Amino acid sequence: MQVSLQINEPQTERLNKLEQLTGRTKSFFISEAINHYLDDWDDVQSAEQILLNIRSGSEPVVSWEDLKGRNGI
């Protein structure tokens, strides 16, 4: 899929520096940034679901004291 976007001058300058330093294209870095954002989004969604499960009582929870005891700490 091809996408068109506008970025501000400071972002353009930073991408130009990366491109010069690494030999990789601006498109590569933009794609990597999108991938990192999507990975972070997935992590947030998972964390929110786990929190909902904890609050509803359907997710097992171990107290700090129990965890220390189980591990001999």
N, C-alpha and C. Protein backbone atom coordinates (compact mmCIF):
# COMPACT_ATOMS: atom_id res chain seq x y z
N MET A 1 0.85 -1.18 0.00
CA MET A 1 0.00 0.00 0.00
C MET A 1 0.89 1.23 0.00
N GLN A 2 0.51 2.19 -0.77
CA GLN A 2 1.25 3.43 -0.83
C GLN A 2 0.49 4.49 -0.07
N VAL A 3 1.22 5.30 0.71
CA VAL A 3 0.61 6.34 1.53
C VAL A 3 1.34 7.65 1.29
N SER A 4 0.60 8.72 1.32
CA SER A 4 1.19 10.05 1.19
C SER A 4 0.98 10.79 2.50
N LEU A 5 2.02 11.50 2.96
CA LEU A 5 1.87 12.25 4.19
C LEU A 5 2.75 13.48 4.16
N GLN A 6 2.41 14.43 5.00
CA GLN A 6 3.22 15.63 5.13
C GLN A 6 3.84 15.61 6.52
N ILE A 7 5.12 15.92 6.59
CA ILE A 7 5.79 16.01 7.88
C ILE A 7 6.44 17.39 7.98
N ASN A 8 6.63 17.83 9.22
CA ASN A 8 7.17 19.18 9.41
C ASN A 8 8.67 19.21 9.15
N GLU A 9 9.21 20.41 9.10
CA GLU A 9 10.62 20.60 8.75
C GLU A 9 11.58 19.92 9.73
N PRO A 10 11.38 20.04 11.05
CA PRO A 10 12.30 19.34 11.96
C PRO A 10 12.30 17.82 11.76
N GLN A 11 11.15 17.25 11.49
CA GLN A 11 11.08 15.81 11.23
C GLN A 11 11.81 15.47 9.93
N THR A 12 11.64 16.30 8.93
CA THR A 12 12.32 16.08 7.65
C THR A 12 13.82 16.12 7.85
N GLU A 13 14.31 17.10 8.61
CA GLU A 13 15.74 17.21 8.87
C GLU A 13 16.27 15.98 9.60
N ARG A 14 15.52 15.52 10.58
CA ARG A 14 15.95 14.33 11.34
C ARG A 14 15.98 13.10 10.44
N LEU A 15 14.98 12.95 9.59
CA LEU A 15 14.96 11.82 8.67
C LEU A 15 16.11 11.90 7.67
N ASN A 16 16.40 13.11 7.20
CA ASN A 16 17.52 13.28 6.27
C ASN A 16 18.84 12.87 6.93
N LYS A 17 19.03 13.25 8.20
CA LYS A 17 20.25 12.86 8.92
C LYS A 17 20.34 11.35 9.06
N LEU A 18 19.22 10.72 9.44
CA LEU A 18 19.21 9.26 9.57
C LEU A 18 19.55 8.59 8.24
N GLU A 19 18.96 9.12 7.20
CA GLU A 19 19.19 8.56 5.87
C GLU A 19 20.68 8.64 5.51
N GLN A 20 21.29 9.79 5.79
CA GLN A 20 22.71 9.98 5.47
C GLN A 20 23.60 9.10 6.35
N LEU A 21 23.27 9.00 7.64
CA LEU A 21 24.10 8.24 8.57
C LEU A 21 24.02 6.73 8.34
N THR A 22 22.86 6.25 7.94
CA THR A 22 22.64 4.81 7.88
C THR A 22 22.59 4.23 6.47
N GLY A 23 22.32 5.08 5.49
CA GLY A 23 22.15 4.58 4.13
C GLY A 23 20.77 3.98 3.89
N ARG A 24 19.93 4.04 4.88
CA ARG A 24 18.55 3.54 4.72
C ARG A 24 17.66 4.70 4.27
N THR A 25 16.53 4.36 3.68
CA THR A 25 15.64 5.39 3.14
C THR A 25 14.74 5.97 4.23
N LYS A 26 14.22 7.16 3.93
CA LYS A 26 13.23 7.77 4.83
C LYS A 26 12.01 6.85 4.95
N SER A 27 11.64 6.22 3.85
CA SER A 27 10.49 5.30 3.87
C SER A 27 10.72 4.16 4.86
N PHE A 28 11.96 3.67 4.93
CA PHE A 28 12.27 2.61 5.87
C PHE A 28 11.98 3.07 7.30
N PHE A 29 12.47 4.27 7.65
CA PHE A 29 12.30 4.77 9.01
C PHE A 29 10.83 5.08 9.33
N ILE A 30 10.11 5.60 8.36
CA ILE A 30 8.68 5.86 8.57
C ILE A 30 7.94 4.55 8.78
N SER A 31 8.27 3.55 7.99
CA SER A 31 7.64 2.23 8.15
C SER A 31 7.97 1.63 9.51
N GLU A 32 9.24 1.75 9.93
CA GLU A 32 9.63 1.26 11.26
C GLU A 32 8.88 1.97 12.36
N ALA A 33 8.71 3.29 12.22
CA ALA A 33 7.98 4.06 13.23
C ALA A 33 6.53 3.59 13.33
N ILE A 34 5.91 3.33 12.20
CA ILE A 34 4.53 2.83 12.19
C ILE A 34 4.47 1.46 12.85
N ASN A 35 5.43 0.59 12.53
CA ASN A 35 5.46 -0.74 13.14
C ASN A 35 5.59 -0.65 14.66
N HIS A 36 6.48 0.23 15.14
CA HIS A 36 6.65 0.40 16.59
C HIS A 36 5.36 0.93 17.22
N TYR A 37 4.72 1.88 16.57
CA TYR A 37 3.46 2.41 17.08
C TYR A 37 2.41 1.30 17.18
N LEU A 38 2.28 0.52 16.12
CA LEU A 38 1.28 -0.56 16.12
C LEU A 38 1.59 -1.61 17.19
N ASP A 39 2.87 -1.93 17.37
CA ASP A 39 3.25 -2.86 18.44
C ASP A 39 2.88 -2.30 19.80
N ASP A 40 3.16 -1.01 20.01
CA ASP A 40 2.80 -0.37 21.28
C ASP A 40 1.29 -0.38 21.48
N TRP A 41 0.55 -0.13 20.41
CA TRP A 41 -0.91 -0.14 20.48
C TRP A 41 -1.41 -1.52 20.91
N ASP A 42 -0.85 -2.56 20.31
CA ASP A 42 -1.23 -3.93 20.69
C ASP A 42 -0.93 -4.19 22.17
N ASP A 43 0.23 -3.72 22.65
CA ASP A 43 0.59 -3.89 24.05
C ASP A 43 -0.40 -3.19 24.97
N VAL A 44 -0.79 -1.98 24.61
CA VAL A 44 -1.76 -1.23 25.42
C VAL A 44 -3.10 -1.96 25.46
N GLN A 45 -3.53 -2.44 24.30
CA GLN A 45 -4.81 -3.15 24.26
C GLN A 45 -4.77 -4.41 25.13
N SER A 46 -3.67 -5.14 25.07
CA SER A 46 -3.53 -6.34 25.91
C SER A 46 -3.53 -5.97 27.38
N ALA A 47 -2.80 -4.93 27.73
CA ALA A 47 -2.73 -4.50 29.14
C ALA A 47 -4.10 -4.06 29.63
N GLU A 48 -4.83 -3.33 28.81
CA GLU A 48 -6.17 -2.89 29.21
C GLU A 48 -7.10 -4.08 29.42
N GLN A 49 -6.99 -5.09 28.55
CA GLN A 49 -7.84 -6.28 28.70
C GLN A 49 -7.48 -7.04 29.97
N ILE A 50 -6.20 -7.18 30.25
CA ILE A 50 -5.78 -7.86 31.47
C ILE A 50 -6.27 -7.10 32.70
N LEU A 51 -6.17 -5.77 32.67
CA LEU A 51 -6.66 -4.97 33.79
C LEU A 51 -8.16 -5.18 34.00
N LEU A 52 -8.92 -5.20 32.92
CA LEU A 52 -10.36 -5.47 33.03
C LEU A 52 -10.60 -6.85 33.63
N ASN A 53 -9.81 -7.84 33.20
CA ASN A 53 -9.95 -9.19 33.74
C ASN A 53 -9.61 -9.24 35.23
N ILE A 54 -8.57 -8.52 35.63
CA ILE A 54 -8.20 -8.47 37.05
C ILE A 54 -9.33 -7.85 37.85
N ARG A 55 -9.86 -6.75 37.37
CA ARG A 55 -10.93 -6.07 38.09
C ARG A 55 -12.20 -6.92 38.18
N SER A 56 -12.44 -7.76 37.17
CA SER A 56 -13.63 -8.61 37.19
C SER A 56 -13.41 -9.90 37.97
N GLY A 57 -12.14 -10.15 38.34
CA GLY A 57 -11.83 -11.35 39.09
C GLY A 57 -11.53 -12.57 38.24
N SER A 58 -11.48 -12.40 36.92
CA SER A 58 -11.23 -13.56 36.05
C SER A 58 -9.75 -13.76 35.72
N GLU A 59 -8.90 -12.87 36.18
CA GLU A 59 -7.45 -12.99 35.97
C GLU A 59 -6.80 -13.28 37.31
N PRO A 60 -6.03 -14.38 37.41
CA PRO A 60 -5.40 -14.68 38.69
C PRO A 60 -4.35 -13.63 39.05
N VAL A 61 -4.30 -13.31 40.34
CA VAL A 61 -3.38 -12.30 40.84
C VAL A 61 -2.61 -12.91 42.02
N VAL A 62 -1.32 -12.64 42.07
CA VAL A 62 -0.48 -13.12 43.17
C VAL A 62 0.05 -11.89 43.89
N SER A 63 -0.10 -11.87 45.22
CA SER A 63 0.41 -10.74 45.98
C SER A 63 1.93 -10.76 46.02
N TRP A 64 2.52 -9.62 46.31
CA TRP A 64 3.97 -9.52 46.42
C TRP A 64 4.49 -10.44 47.51
N GLU A 65 3.80 -10.49 48.62
CA GLU A 65 4.20 -11.36 49.73
C GLU A 65 4.18 -12.82 49.32
N ASP A 66 3.13 -13.26 48.64
CA ASP A 66 3.06 -14.65 48.17
C ASP A 66 4.16 -14.95 47.16
N LEU A 67 4.43 -14.01 46.27
CA LEU A 67 5.47 -14.20 45.28
C LEU A 67 6.84 -14.35 45.94
N LYS A 68 7.12 -13.50 46.92
CA LYS A 68 8.38 -13.60 47.63
C LYS A 68 8.48 -14.94 48.35
N GLY A 69 7.40 -15.38 48.97
CA GLY A 69 7.41 -16.65 49.68
C GLY A 69 7.63 -17.83 48.77
N ARG A 70 6.99 -17.81 47.61
CA ARG A 70 7.15 -18.90 46.65
C ARG A 70 8.57 -18.99 46.11
N ASN A 71 9.27 -17.90 46.12
CA ASN A 71 10.62 -17.86 45.54
C ASN A 71 11.70 -17.75 46.59
N GLY A 72 11.34 -17.93 47.85
CA GLY A 72 12.32 -17.92 48.92
C GLY A 72 13.02 -16.60 49.11
N ILE A 73 12.33 -15.54 48.88
CA ILE A 73 12.94 -14.21 49.04
C ILE A 73 12.57 -13.63 50.40
